[in-house]
Amino acid sequence: MRKLLIIAALMVVGPFFASAQKAATYDPAGRWYLSVQGGPMYQRNENSFTYEYFKKPGKLITYQVGASIGYDFTSSFGLRGTVEYGQNRSAANYWQTAARGFYAYEFKNISAFVDGVLNFNGLNVTQRGFAPKVYAGLGYAHTFNFVKPDDFGTPYHQSWQGPFHPWQDITEKNHVFGFRVGGIFEYDFLNGLGLFADIAGEAYTDWFNGLEPDEIDHTQGTGYAGFPFDLRVNIMFGITYRFK
C-alpha cells in the first residue's frame, strides 16, 4: 500500500515539476502574491516541563493554519502580511500544587505578523524555479478560549470548576506582542503557482499562555523565575499564487 501511494503521488506531482523545469522562470519583482498554509507546531513556555514530567510531551504538538498577502519590491526583497489561527496547549506548574497534579489546558490564538522577506535568488541575480528565502517580522497575538482538554480526564478538586488550579491564576483573553524568524523553501511554476515549506521560530511576550514567569510559588514562599517569552516552532506547508 505504501509503494502504491508513493507511485500515485509521483504520477500526480511529477508532471508539474517536469513542466516547470522545461519552462523559463520569471522575475518576482513588482508582483503581488497570495498564500495559504498550514501544519504542525511545537510550543515551549514556563511549564512545558509539566508535560514531560507526566510523559505527555507529544501533547505539545498542535496545529496552525494561515493566509498571507505579499509584494516583492525587487528580485531579492519583499514584504508580506500574515494572519494565523492556532490551537495551543500549556499547563500549570505542578511544583506549585500540594497534589502535584497535571493541570493541563488548551487555548486558541489569532496572530498577525508583518515580515521582511529576503530572496537569495535575487542576491545572486539568478532566476530559477527553486527560491530559498529567509524572513523576520514583528506581530501581535490574541489568545482566548482557555479550556480543559477532555483527553486529560478530570484531575481537579470536585468543588472547583475550570482548567486551572487555585494557586496559579491563569489570565484569559490576552493581547501580546511577538517576533519571529524563519525560512521559506519555495518552488515556483511558470503560471504563477508555487509550493513551499515554511519553518519559523516565534516568540511571544508573556501572558500568551495566560501566565507570566514571576508567579509566586506558594509552597515555598518564593518567586518563580521562568523564561520571559512563550516560544513556538512552526513547520507549515502551502501554496502561493503570484499575480502578473
Protein backbone atom coordinates (compact mmCIF):
# COMPACT_ATOMS: atom_id res chain seq x y z
CA MET A 1 0.00 0.00 0.00
CA ARG A 2 2.81 2.42 0.85
CA LYS A 3 4.51 1.76 -2.50
CA LEU A 4 1.24 2.35 -4.34
CA LEU A 5 0.74 5.68 -2.56
CA ILE A 6 4.28 6.79 -3.44
CA ILE A 7 3.81 5.84 -7.09
CA ALA A 8 0.47 7.66 -7.23
CA ALA A 9 1.98 10.79 -5.67
CA LEU A 10 4.83 10.78 -8.19
CA MET A 11 2.37 10.40 -11.07
CA VAL A 12 0.45 13.45 -9.86
CA VAL A 13 3.32 15.73 -8.86
CA GLY A 14 5.90 14.58 -11.40
CA PRO A 15 4.40 16.22 -14.50
CA PHE A 16 4.19 19.60 -12.74
CA PHE A 17 7.87 19.55 -11.79
CA ALA A 18 8.84 18.32 -15.26
CA SER A 19 6.95 21.13 -16.99
CA ALA A 20 8.41 23.68 -14.57
CA GLN A 21 11.95 22.51 -15.31
CA LYS A 22 11.40 22.98 -19.07
CA ALA A 23 9.72 26.38 -18.76
CA ALA A 24 11.51 29.69 -18.34
CA THR A 25 11.40 31.10 -14.83
CA TYR A 26 10.16 34.60 -14.07
CA ASP A 27 11.28 37.60 -12.03
CA PRO A 28 9.03 38.10 -8.98
CA ALA A 29 9.83 41.84 -8.74
CA GLY A 30 6.75 44.07 -8.85
CA ARG A 31 4.27 41.25 -8.25
CA TRP A 32 1.66 40.69 -5.55
CA TYR A 33 1.03 37.20 -4.22
CA LEU A 34 -1.40 35.28 -2.01
CA SER A 35 -0.56 32.20 0.05
CA VAL A 36 -2.39 29.71 2.24
CA GLN A 37 -0.53 27.37 4.57
CA GLY A 38 -0.89 25.03 7.50
CA GLY A 39 1.00 22.48 9.55
CA PRO A 40 2.19 21.32 12.97
CA MET A 41 3.85 23.38 15.68
CA TYR A 42 5.64 22.66 18.95
CA GLN A 43 5.36 25.06 21.89
CA ARG A 44 7.58 25.87 24.87
CA ASN A 45 6.52 28.06 27.77
CA GLU A 46 7.01 28.36 31.52
CA ASN A 47 5.52 24.99 32.40
CA SER A 48 6.24 22.78 29.38
CA PHE A 49 8.27 20.56 31.69
CA THR A 50 4.98 19.53 33.33
CA TYR A 51 4.01 17.66 30.15
CA GLU A 52 7.42 15.99 30.08
CA TYR A 53 7.22 15.03 33.76
CA PHE A 54 3.89 13.30 33.17
CA LYS A 55 5.24 11.68 29.98
CA LYS A 56 2.97 13.58 27.61
CA PRO A 57 5.39 15.78 25.58
CA GLY A 58 3.64 14.84 22.33
CA LYS A 59 0.56 16.76 23.50
CA LEU A 60 2.52 19.99 22.95
CA ILE A 61 2.47 19.34 19.18
CA THR A 62 -0.63 21.02 17.79
CA TYR A 63 -1.56 22.77 14.53
CA GLN A 64 -1.72 26.18 12.91
CA VAL A 65 -3.20 27.49 9.65
CA GLY A 66 -2.80 30.85 7.99
CA ALA A 67 -3.01 33.08 4.93
CA SER A 68 -0.59 35.70 3.60
CA ILE A 69 -0.57 38.58 1.16
CA GLY A 70 2.77 39.92 -0.03
CA TYR A 71 4.56 42.14 -2.52
CA ASP A 72 8.07 41.78 -3.96
CA PHE A 73 9.62 45.22 -4.44
CA THR A 74 12.72 43.78 -6.10
CA SER A 75 14.01 40.35 -7.09
CA SER A 76 15.54 39.99 -3.63
CA PHE A 77 13.30 41.85 -1.16
CA GLY A 78 9.62 41.93 -0.32
CA LEU A 79 7.09 42.37 2.48
CA ARG A 80 4.20 40.14 3.49
CA GLY A 81 1.38 40.27 6.00
CA THR A 82 0.19 37.03 7.58
CA VAL A 83 -2.81 36.12 9.71
CA GLU A 84 -2.72 32.76 11.53
CA TYR A 85 -5.02 30.68 13.70
CA GLY A 86 -3.67 28.02 16.05
CA GLN A 87 -4.56 25.55 18.79
CA ASN A 88 -2.19 25.62 21.79
CA ARG A 89 -1.58 23.67 25.00
CA SER A 90 0.02 24.57 28.28
CA ALA A 91 -0.14 23.53 31.93
CA ALA A 92 0.08 24.94 35.41
CA ASN A 93 3.32 24.41 37.32
CA TYR A 94 2.82 21.11 39.13
CA TRP A 95 5.52 22.01 41.68
CA GLN A 96 3.22 24.79 42.92
CA THR A 97 0.41 22.45 43.88
CA ALA A 98 0.14 20.35 47.02
CA ALA A 99 -1.17 17.39 45.00
CA ARG A 100 1.47 17.86 42.27
CA GLY A 101 -1.28 17.20 39.72
CA PHE A 102 -1.34 17.56 35.95
CA TYR A 103 -3.33 20.77 35.43
CA ALA A 104 -3.26 20.94 31.65
CA TYR A 105 -5.30 23.30 29.49
CA GLU A 106 -5.84 24.31 25.87
CA PHE A 107 -6.32 27.69 24.27
CA LYS A 108 -6.58 29.26 20.82
CA ASN A 109 -4.74 32.12 19.17
CA ILE A 110 -5.12 34.55 16.30
CA SER A 111 -1.80 36.11 15.27
CA ALA A 112 -0.86 38.77 12.74
CA PHE A 113 2.69 39.41 11.50
CA VAL A 114 4.43 41.72 9.05
CA ASP A 115 7.60 40.11 7.68
CA GLY A 116 10.51 41.34 5.62
CA VAL A 117 11.46 38.59 3.15
CA LEU A 118 14.89 38.16 1.53
CA ASN A 119 15.05 36.05 -1.65
CA PHE A 120 18.52 34.56 -2.25
CA ASN A 121 17.82 34.20 -5.97
CA GLY A 122 17.76 37.99 -6.30
CA LEU A 123 21.06 38.38 -4.47
CA ASN A 124 22.72 36.01 -6.93
CA VAL A 125 20.98 37.60 -9.94
CA THR A 126 19.68 34.12 -10.73
CA GLN A 127 16.11 33.31 -11.63
CA ARG A 128 15.19 29.67 -11.14
CA GLY A 129 12.28 27.58 -10.00
CA PHE A 130 13.64 26.86 -6.53
CA ALA A 131 13.63 30.01 -4.38
CA PRO A 132 15.19 29.81 -0.88
CA LYS A 133 14.25 32.73 1.37
CA VAL A 134 14.68 33.98 4.92
CA TYR A 135 12.45 36.38 6.80
CA ALA A 136 11.96 38.21 10.07
CA GLY A 137 8.93 40.00 11.39
CA LEU A 138 7.02 41.65 14.21
CA GLY A 139 3.49 40.78 15.21
CA TYR A 140 0.61 40.70 17.62
CA ALA A 141 -1.41 37.81 19.06
CA HIS A 142 -4.73 37.40 20.80
CA THR A 143 -5.23 34.24 22.92
CA PHE A 144 -8.63 33.09 24.07
CA ASN A 145 -10.94 30.13 24.81
CA PHE A 146 -8.89 28.62 27.67
CA VAL A 147 -10.43 25.21 28.42
CA LYS A 148 -9.54 21.87 29.97
CA PRO A 149 -8.86 19.23 27.27
CA ASP A 150 -11.14 16.23 27.53
CA ASP A 151 -8.39 13.65 26.99
CA PHE A 152 -6.70 14.51 30.29
CA GLY A 153 -9.59 13.39 32.45
CA THR A 154 -10.57 15.46 35.49
CA PRO A 155 -7.57 15.97 37.82
CA TYR A 156 -9.26 18.83 39.69
CA HIS A 157 -10.97 19.13 43.02
CA GLN A 158 -14.67 18.37 42.67
CA SER A 159 -15.71 21.66 44.27
CA TRP A 160 -13.54 23.75 41.95
CA GLN A 161 -14.58 24.14 38.33
CA GLY A 162 -12.35 25.09 35.42
CA PRO A 163 -9.00 24.14 33.89
CA PHE A 164 -6.78 25.96 36.42
CA HIS A 165 -5.75 25.32 39.97
CA PRO A 166 -6.44 27.98 42.63
CA TRP A 167 -2.80 28.75 43.45
CA GLN A 168 -1.71 29.79 39.98
CA ASP A 169 -4.16 32.13 38.29
CA ILE A 170 -4.33 31.98 34.51
CA THR A 171 -5.43 35.16 32.77
CA GLU A 172 -7.78 34.74 29.82
CA LYS A 173 -8.20 36.72 26.59
CA ASN A 174 -4.67 38.08 26.34
CA HIS A 175 -3.11 40.57 23.94
CA VAL A 176 0.64 40.23 23.42
CA PHE A 177 3.40 41.22 21.00
CA GLY A 178 5.69 38.81 19.20
CA PHE A 179 8.60 38.47 16.82
CA ARG A 180 9.78 35.65 14.61
CA VAL A 181 12.43 34.49 12.17
CA GLY A 182 12.16 31.76 9.59
CA GLY A 183 12.99 30.29 6.24
CA ILE A 184 10.93 29.50 3.14
CA PHE A 185 11.78 26.79 0.63
CA GLU A 186 9.64 27.52 -2.40
CA TYR A 187 9.32 26.06 -5.87
CA ASP A 188 7.68 28.37 -8.43
CA PHE A 189 5.89 27.27 -11.59
CA LEU A 190 5.56 29.30 -14.78
CA ASN A 191 1.85 30.06 -14.37
CA GLY A 192 2.43 31.91 -11.07
CA LEU A 193 1.73 28.97 -8.78
CA GLY A 194 4.22 27.78 -6.22
CA LEU A 195 4.56 25.18 -3.47
CA PHE A 196 6.54 25.89 -0.32
CA ALA A 197 7.58 24.80 3.15
CA ASP A 198 7.83 27.50 5.83
CA ILE A 199 9.85 26.84 9.00
CA ALA A 200 9.70 29.51 11.71
CA GLY A 201 10.50 30.19 15.33
CA GLU A 202 8.09 32.52 17.13
CA ALA A 203 8.46 34.27 20.48
CA TYR A 204 5.59 36.00 22.28
CA THR A 205 5.76 38.20 25.33
CA ASP A 206 4.32 36.66 28.46
CA TRP A 207 0.60 36.24 29.02
CA PHE A 208 0.38 34.46 25.65
CA ASN A 209 -0.37 31.26 27.60
CA GLY A 210 -2.06 33.13 30.44
CA LEU A 211 0.95 33.04 32.77
CA GLU A 212 3.93 35.25 33.44
CA PRO A 213 7.33 33.98 34.68
CA ASP A 214 7.25 35.65 38.09
CA GLU A 215 4.28 33.75 39.51
CA ILE A 216 4.60 33.23 43.26
CA ASP A 217 5.48 29.73 44.48
CA HIS A 218 3.04 29.43 47.36
CA THR A 219 4.54 26.18 48.62
CA GLN A 220 7.98 27.76 49.07
CA GLY A 221 7.05 31.41 49.63
CA THR A 222 9.37 32.50 46.82
CA GLY A 223 9.06 33.84 43.30
CA TYR A 224 9.15 31.50 40.32
CA ALA A 225 11.80 32.58 37.79
CA GLY A 226 10.70 31.49 34.33
CA PHE A 227 11.66 32.37 30.78
CA PRO A 228 10.17 35.75 29.75
CA PHE A 229 8.84 34.51 26.37
CA ASP A 230 6.44 31.85 25.17
CA LEU A 231 8.04 30.05 22.23
CA ARG A 232 6.71 28.08 19.27
CA VAL A 233 8.29 26.32 16.29
CA ASN A 234 6.11 26.01 13.19
CA ILE A 235 6.52 23.84 10.10
CA MET A 236 3.88 24.79 7.57
CA PHE A 237 3.27 23.72 4.00
CA GLY A 238 1.33 25.77 1.49
CA ILE A 239 0.59 27.02 -1.97
CA THR A 240 1.14 30.52 -3.34
CA TYR A 241 -0.10 32.39 -6.39
CA ARG A 242 1.63 35.41 -7.92
CA PHE A 243 -0.39 37.93 -9.90
CA LYS A 244 1.01 39.24 -13.18
